[in-house]
């Protein structure tokens, strides 16, 4: 009796395909910069597991609409219900800094109060992310924005929580691509299969009493409509709104309270209280466009975050901007914790209440 291959949705192109069961694994060859094919069927269980842990399969992209080939870890389908998480926001909103700080804090054990551990699922991809983003960030360098036209995931992690292990794929797409109305925009293809989204709103330098701008965020508007193109997404996809650069108002209530709040176990009432304060803060400032996800999706949380703890400045004229006092992320894991609760990675009665009206 032949077992039907598991159907997997690729997080990059959003196509579904039957996961290969022929035992062939692709291993990246550093010397040739190409993938070598290895048949693991004749290997011992230990060697087979080792090759698969470092290997890949090529997504067949049945629709043929991605152009360049893309690859998934060979162990991607070993785990249930992979998650695809996207960060959405305008150019210069701070998405890359937030994602970098979030992954860094997760690897430093920041999710342990919630019973969650983090490791890499794609070693090569994670090593690249660490080298290109985490290490410069830790040295105090301000990170550049995401390049336009990027279609690959930023990182693929394996999170192990009370409900079991889940692969989590993160996408950080350039604001210019998010605001593009091109029908065949490959960079935003991941949103067709997104399982959760973090909407990133930058707290800009403005008077605390200002009404701000009443124009909706174009990035948010397009992302919401793309997600709602799949009708069940309104109830299926949980979202979080993260107000970045909140350190600019770190001494002003209610921002002060939430940036300095210590990490604790999951508390739905606490998350609801922060969401209420952030909603009132944005509404008072006239940032109505940034509240659109709250109205569009059934489960939504809102958070004040600071990826770096302060603004970067040039060390010398013409030099790269740096965080002179180093980086001090604050509350950056709050949006991720909320999403992990709303997607079942963190389970239990308390998690079921997170993000509910």
Protein backbone atom coordinates (compact mmCIF):
# COMPACT_ATOMS: atom_id res chain seq x y z
CA UNK A 1 0.00 0.00 0.00
CA UNK A 2 1.48 3.31 -1.09
CA UNK A 3 1.16 6.22 1.33
CA UNK A 4 0.09 9.50 -0.21
CA UNK A 5 2.77 12.16 0.19
CA UNK A 6 2.03 14.90 2.65
CA UNK A 7 0.73 18.10 1.07
CA UNK A 8 2.86 21.09 2.01
CA UNK A 9 2.34 24.76 1.24
CA UNK A 10 5.59 26.49 0.34
CA UNK A 11 6.03 29.65 2.44
CA UNK A 12 7.88 31.38 -0.40
CA UNK A 13 5.62 30.90 -3.43
CA UNK A 14 2.43 29.79 -1.60
CA UNK A 15 2.04 26.78 -3.91
CA UNK A 16 1.01 23.41 -2.48
CA UNK A 17 2.80 20.22 -3.51
CA UNK A 18 3.33 16.65 -2.39
CA UNK A 19 6.45 16.39 -0.24
CA UNK A 20 9.06 14.17 -2.02
CA UNK A 21 9.51 10.69 -0.56
CA UNK A 22 12.19 9.33 -2.89
CA UNK A 23 15.01 9.78 -0.36
CA UNK A 24 16.95 12.29 -2.45
CA UNK A 25 18.26 15.31 -0.56
CA UNK A 26 20.05 18.40 -1.85
CA UNK A 27 23.18 19.46 0.07
CA UNK A 28 24.78 22.82 -0.64
CA UNK A 29 28.39 22.53 -1.81
CA UNK A 30 30.41 25.51 -0.59
CA UNK A 31 33.11 24.92 -3.21
CA UNK A 32 30.90 24.86 -6.29
CA UNK A 33 28.14 27.04 -4.79
CA UNK A 34 25.64 24.51 -6.10
CA UNK A 35 23.45 21.80 -4.59
CA UNK A 36 24.61 18.19 -4.79
CA UNK A 37 22.05 15.38 -4.84
CA UNK A 38 22.50 12.71 -2.16
CA UNK A 39 20.39 9.55 -1.97
CA UNK A 40 19.98 8.81 1.74
CA UNK A 41 18.12 5.50 1.27
CA UNK A 42 21.26 3.41 1.70
CA UNK A 43 22.66 5.31 4.66
CA UNK A 44 22.46 4.29 8.30
CA UNK A 45 19.68 5.97 10.33
CA UNK A 46 22.19 8.29 12.03
CA UNK A 47 23.82 9.37 8.76
CA UNK A 48 20.45 9.72 7.06
CA UNK A 49 19.25 12.01 9.84
CA UNK A 50 22.46 14.05 9.65
CA UNK A 51 22.22 14.62 5.89
CA UNK A 52 18.55 15.50 6.10
CA UNK A 53 19.20 17.92 8.97
CA UNK A 54 21.63 19.89 6.80
CA UNK A 55 19.91 19.28 3.46
CA UNK A 56 17.17 20.78 1.32
CA UNK A 57 14.49 19.94 -1.18
CA UNK A 58 13.70 22.22 -4.11
CA UNK A 59 10.17 23.54 -4.21
CA UNK A 60 8.71 22.51 -7.60
CA UNK A 61 6.70 25.77 -7.76
CA UNK A 62 3.84 24.11 -9.71
CA UNK A 63 2.54 27.49 -10.86
CA UNK A 64 5.94 28.31 -12.38
CA UNK A 65 5.62 31.96 -11.39
CA UNK A 66 8.68 32.60 -9.21
CA UNK A 67 11.50 32.73 -11.75
CA UNK A 68 14.48 31.64 -9.63
CA UNK A 69 14.46 28.26 -7.81
CA UNK A 70 13.95 28.23 -4.06
CA UNK A 71 14.57 25.60 -1.41
CA UNK A 72 13.13 24.39 1.88
CA UNK A 73 14.89 22.48 4.66
CA UNK A 74 14.63 18.72 4.10
CA UNK A 75 13.13 18.40 7.61
CA UNK A 76 10.47 21.07 7.01
CA UNK A 77 7.69 18.50 6.63
CA UNK A 78 8.79 16.47 9.66
CA UNK A 79 6.83 18.82 11.91
CA UNK A 80 3.13 19.68 12.04
CA UNK A 81 1.52 22.90 10.88
CA UNK A 82 4.41 25.16 9.81
CA UNK A 83 3.78 28.87 10.44
CA UNK A 84 4.50 31.71 8.04
CA UNK A 85 4.86 35.09 9.76
CA UNK A 86 5.24 38.32 7.81
CA UNK A 87 6.26 41.80 8.91
CA UNK A 88 4.34 44.59 7.17
CA UNK A 89 5.09 48.29 7.30
CA UNK A 90 6.05 51.39 5.38
CA UNK A 91 9.65 52.08 4.33
CA UNK A 92 11.81 53.05 7.33
CA UNK A 93 9.24 51.74 9.82
CA UNK A 94 11.91 49.66 11.53
CA UNK A 95 10.81 46.18 10.42
CA UNK A 96 14.35 44.84 9.99
CA UNK A 97 15.51 46.15 13.37
CA UNK A 98 12.42 44.69 15.06
CA UNK A 99 12.82 41.27 13.43
CA UNK A 100 16.53 41.20 14.25
CA UNK A 101 15.94 42.14 17.89
CA UNK A 102 13.05 39.68 18.14
CA UNK A 103 15.04 36.70 16.84
CA UNK A 104 18.06 37.70 18.92
CA UNK A 105 16.00 37.86 22.11
CA UNK A 106 14.29 34.55 21.32
CA UNK A 107 17.71 32.89 20.98
CA UNK A 108 18.80 34.43 24.26
CA UNK A 109 16.04 32.52 26.05
CA UNK A 110 13.48 35.31 26.05
CA UNK A 111 10.62 32.90 25.36
CA UNK A 112 11.46 30.55 28.23
CA UNK A 113 8.90 32.14 30.61
CA UNK A 114 6.27 30.83 28.18
CA UNK A 115 7.71 27.32 27.93
CA UNK A 116 9.12 27.93 24.43
CA UNK A 117 12.63 27.23 23.16
CA UNK A 118 14.11 28.32 19.83
CA UNK A 119 16.59 26.74 17.43
CA UNK A 120 17.44 26.99 13.75
CA UNK A 121 15.63 24.80 11.24
CA UNK A 122 17.62 26.09 8.27
CA UNK A 123 21.23 26.31 9.48
CA UNK A 124 22.63 28.11 6.43
CA UNK A 125 19.83 30.67 6.32
CA UNK A 126 20.07 31.35 10.05
CA UNK A 127 23.87 31.67 9.88
CA UNK A 128 23.48 34.23 7.11
CA UNK A 129 20.86 36.16 9.07
CA UNK A 130 23.06 36.14 12.17
CA UNK A 131 26.12 37.32 10.25
CA UNK A 132 24.35 39.99 8.19
CA UNK A 133 21.97 41.38 10.81
CA UNK A 134 22.37 40.12 14.39
CA UNK A 135 26.13 40.58 14.71
CA UNK A 136 26.24 44.14 13.29
CA UNK A 137 23.21 45.02 15.44
CA UNK A 138 24.96 43.74 18.57
CA UNK A 139 28.00 45.85 17.66
CA UNK A 140 25.78 48.93 17.60
CA UNK A 141 25.47 49.38 13.84
CA UNK A 142 22.21 50.69 12.42
CA UNK A 143 20.85 48.21 9.89
CA UNK A 144 19.95 49.17 6.35
CA UNK A 145 16.44 48.65 5.05
CA UNK A 146 15.44 45.44 3.29
CA UNK A 147 16.45 45.37 -0.36
CA UNK A 148 13.61 45.64 -2.84
CA UNK A 149 12.74 42.50 -4.78
CA UNK A 150 13.66 40.01 -2.03
CA UNK A 151 11.44 36.92 -2.22
CA UNK A 152 13.21 34.55 0.18
CA UNK A 153 12.42 34.18 3.88
CA UNK A 154 14.62 36.07 6.34
CA UNK A 155 14.93 33.08 8.68
CA UNK A 156 13.27 29.74 9.41
CA UNK A 157 13.24 28.73 13.07
CA UNK A 158 12.04 25.70 14.97
CA UNK A 159 10.11 26.68 18.08
CA UNK A 160 9.26 24.04 20.66
CA UNK A 161 6.34 24.93 22.88
CA UNK A 162 3.83 23.21 25.15
CA UNK A 163 1.85 22.09 22.09
CA UNK A 164 4.89 20.60 20.34
CA UNK A 165 7.48 21.77 17.77
CA UNK A 166 6.53 24.07 14.88
CA UNK A 167 8.64 25.54 12.06
CA UNK A 168 8.24 29.33 11.87
CA UNK A 169 9.22 31.16 8.69
CA UNK A 170 9.74 34.93 8.96
CA UNK A 171 9.43 37.31 6.01
CA UNK A 172 10.77 40.87 6.09
CA UNK A 173 9.84 42.55 2.80
CA UNK A 174 10.89 46.04 1.69
CA UNK A 175 8.26 48.70 2.29
CA UNK A 176 8.53 49.70 -1.37
CA UNK A 177 7.51 46.16 -2.38
CA UNK A 178 4.67 46.13 0.14
CA UNK A 179 3.36 49.38 -1.33
CA UNK A 180 3.64 48.15 -4.92
CA UNK A 181 0.37 47.56 -6.76
CA UNK A 182 2.01 45.28 -9.34
CA UNK A 183 -0.29 42.30 -9.81
CA UNK A 184 2.52 39.73 -10.06
CA UNK A 185 4.70 41.12 -7.28
CA UNK A 186 6.73 38.06 -6.19
CA UNK A 187 7.99 39.71 -2.99
CA UNK A 188 4.52 39.77 -1.44
CA UNK A 189 3.55 36.27 -2.58
CA UNK A 190 4.09 34.94 0.96
CA UNK A 191 0.97 36.82 2.12
CA UNK A 192 -1.22 34.43 0.15
CA UNK A 193 -0.32 31.76 2.68
CA UNK A 194 0.53 33.84 5.75
CA UNK A 195 -0.52 32.32 9.07
CA UNK A 196 0.17 35.44 11.15
CA UNK A 197 1.24 39.04 10.49
CA UNK A 198 2.99 41.75 12.49
CA UNK A 199 1.99 45.22 11.29
CA UNK A 200 4.79 47.68 12.11
CA UNK A 201 3.89 51.33 12.77
CA UNK A 202 6.78 53.72 13.44
CA UNK A 203 6.40 56.28 16.21
CA UNK A 204 7.84 59.32 14.50
CA UNK A 205 9.13 62.50 16.08
CA UNK A 206 6.00 64.52 16.70
CA UNK A 207 4.51 66.49 19.52
CA UNK A 208 2.76 64.19 22.02
CA UNK A 209 -0.36 66.34 21.70
CA UNK A 210 -0.35 66.29 17.91
CA UNK A 211 -3.20 64.67 16.02
CA UNK A 212 -0.69 63.26 13.57
CA UNK A 213 -1.71 62.28 10.07
CA UNK A 214 -5.20 61.10 9.21
CA UNK A 215 -4.03 59.41 6.01
CA UNK A 216 -4.11 55.61 6.27
CA UNK A 217 -0.90 53.66 5.90
CA UNK A 218 -0.72 52.48 2.31
CA UNK A 219 1.38 49.47 3.31
CA UNK A 220 -1.23 48.45 5.86
CA UNK A 221 -4.11 49.05 3.48
CA UNK A 222 -2.67 46.93 0.68
CA UNK A 223 -1.59 44.16 3.06
CA UNK A 224 -5.00 43.97 4.70
CA UNK A 225 -6.76 43.76 1.35
CA UNK A 226 -4.34 41.13 0.06
CA UNK A 227 -4.90 39.02 3.15
CA UNK A 228 -8.67 39.46 3.00
CA UNK A 229 -8.57 38.26 -0.60
CA UNK A 230 -8.87 34.85 1.08
CA UNK A 231 -12.20 35.34 2.93
CA UNK A 232 -11.47 32.96 5.81
CA UNK A 233 -8.32 34.90 6.68
CA UNK A 234 -10.38 37.41 8.69
CA UNK A 235 -10.96 34.71 11.27
CA UNK A 236 -7.99 32.42 10.54
CA UNK A 237 -5.04 34.86 10.55
CA UNK A 238 -4.11 36.50 13.87
CA UNK A 239 -2.29 39.82 13.70
CA UNK A 240 -0.29 42.05 16.02
CA UNK A 241 0.33 45.78 15.64
CA UNK A 242 3.77 46.82 16.89
CA UNK A 243 4.46 50.52 17.49
CA UNK A 244 8.21 50.75 16.94
CA UNK A 245 10.66 53.43 18.08
CA UNK A 246 8.55 53.78 21.24
CA UNK A 247 11.72 54.70 23.17
CA UNK A 248 11.22 58.21 21.80
CA UNK A 249 8.39 58.51 24.34
CA UNK A 250 9.78 56.15 26.98
CA UNK A 251 9.08 58.60 29.83
CA UNK A 252 5.52 59.35 28.73
CA UNK A 253 2.55 57.32 29.98
CA UNK A 254 1.30 54.83 28.85
CA UNK A 255 4.42 54.05 26.76
CA UNK A 256 6.61 54.10 29.86
CA UNK A 257 4.60 51.37 31.60
CA UNK A 258 4.80 48.81 28.81
CA UNK A 259 8.40 49.35 27.72
CA UNK A 260 9.60 48.72 31.27
CA UNK A 261 7.26 45.88 32.15
CA UNK A 262 9.24 42.71 33.02
CA UNK A 263 8.69 39.51 31.07
CA UNK A 264 6.32 37.08 32.73
CA UNK A 265 4.18 34.09 31.93
CA UNK A 266 1.29 34.39 29.53
CA UNK A 267 -1.39 36.75 30.85
CA UNK A 268 -4.26 37.50 28.47
CA UNK A 269 -5.58 40.32 30.65
CA UNK A 270 -2.17 42.02 30.61
CA UNK A 271 -1.96 41.74 26.81
CA UNK A 272 -5.47 43.14 26.53
CA UNK A 273 -4.56 46.08 28.77
CA UNK A 274 -1.52 46.92 26.65
CA UNK A 275 -3.60 46.59 23.48
CA UNK A 276 -6.20 48.97 24.92
CA UNK A 277 -3.52 51.56 25.76
CA UNK A 278 -1.84 51.32 22.34
CA UNK A 279 -5.18 51.58 20.54
CA UNK A 280 -6.13 54.70 22.51
CA UNK A 281 -2.68 56.19 21.90
CA UNK A 282 -2.84 55.70 18.12
CA UNK A 283 -6.44 56.81 17.89
CA UNK A 284 -5.71 59.99 19.83
CA UNK A 285 -2.87 60.80 17.45
CA UNK A 286 -5.05 60.27 14.40
CA UNK A 287 -3.16 57.19 13.16
CA UNK A 288 -6.41 55.62 11.98
CA UNK A 289 -4.79 53.82 9.05
CA UNK A 290 -2.54 51.89 11.41
CA UNK A 291 -5.59 50.63 13.30
CA UNK A 292 -7.15 49.08 10.19
CA UNK A 293 -5.89 45.55 11.04
CA UNK A 294 -7.68 45.74 14.39
CA UNK A 295 -11.00 46.27 12.60
CA UNK A 296 -10.31 43.77 9.81
CA UNK A 297 -9.20 40.68 11.75
CA UNK A 298 -10.95 38.80 14.50
CA UNK A 299 -7.87 38.34 16.70
CA UNK A 300 -5.49 41.28 17.12
CA UNK A 301 -3.12 42.58 19.79
CA UNK A 302 -1.23 45.88 19.99
CA UNK A 303 2.19 46.57 21.54
CA UNK A 304 4.73 49.32 22.23
CA UNK A 305 8.22 48.10 21.25
CA UNK A 306 11.73 49.44 20.91
CA UNK A 307 14.19 47.37 18.90
CA UNK A 308 17.29 49.38 19.83
CA UNK A 309 16.40 51.47 22.88
CA UNK A 310 17.36 54.75 21.18
CA UNK A 311 18.04 56.53 17.91
CA UNK A 312 21.16 55.94 15.86
CA UNK A 313 23.46 58.81 14.91
CA UNK A 314 26.50 59.09 12.62
CA UNK A 315 29.78 58.63 14.47
CA UNK A 316 31.50 60.98 12.01
CA UNK A 317 30.34 62.92 9.01
CA UNK A 318 29.54 60.55 6.17
CA UNK A 319 29.89 57.45 8.37
CA UNK A 320 27.35 54.72 9.00
CA UNK A 321 24.82 55.50 11.70
CA UNK A 322 25.42 53.75 15.01
CA UNK A 323 23.77 53.30 18.37
CA UNK A 324 26.40 55.03 20.47
CA UNK A 325 25.29 53.41 23.74
CA UNK A 326 24.68 50.00 22.24
CA UNK A 327 21.30 48.36 21.74
CA UNK A 328 18.77 47.78 24.50
CA UNK A 329 15.67 46.12 23.02
CA UNK A 330 12.48 46.58 25.01
CA UNK A 331 9.26 44.56 24.76
CA UNK A 332 10.22 43.21 21.31
CA UNK A 333 9.01 39.69 22.06
CA UNK A 334 5.51 40.82 23.04
CA UNK A 335 4.09 40.69 19.47
CA UNK A 336 5.68 37.27 18.87
CA UNK A 337 4.40 35.86 22.17
CA UNK A 338 0.90 37.02 21.27
CA UNK A 339 1.10 35.38 17.84
CA UNK A 340 2.46 32.13 19.29
CA UNK A 341 -0.49 32.08 21.69
CA UNK A 342 -3.02 32.86 18.96
CA UNK A 343 -1.61 30.14 16.65
CA UNK A 344 -1.50 27.45 19.32
CA UNK A 345 2.26 27.17 19.82
CA UNK A 346 1.59 28.36 23.35
CA UNK A 347 -1.53 26.46 24.27
CA UNK A 348 -4.04 26.39 27.11
CA UNK A 349 -7.10 28.37 28.24
CA UNK A 350 -5.12 31.60 28.71
CA UNK A 351 -3.77 31.46 25.15
CA UNK A 352 -7.26 31.01 23.76
CA UNK A 353 -8.24 34.40 25.23
CA UNK A 354 -5.34 36.36 23.67
CA UNK A 355 -6.44 38.77 20.97
CA UNK A 356 -10.14 38.14 21.45
CA UNK A 357 -12.55 41.10 21.67
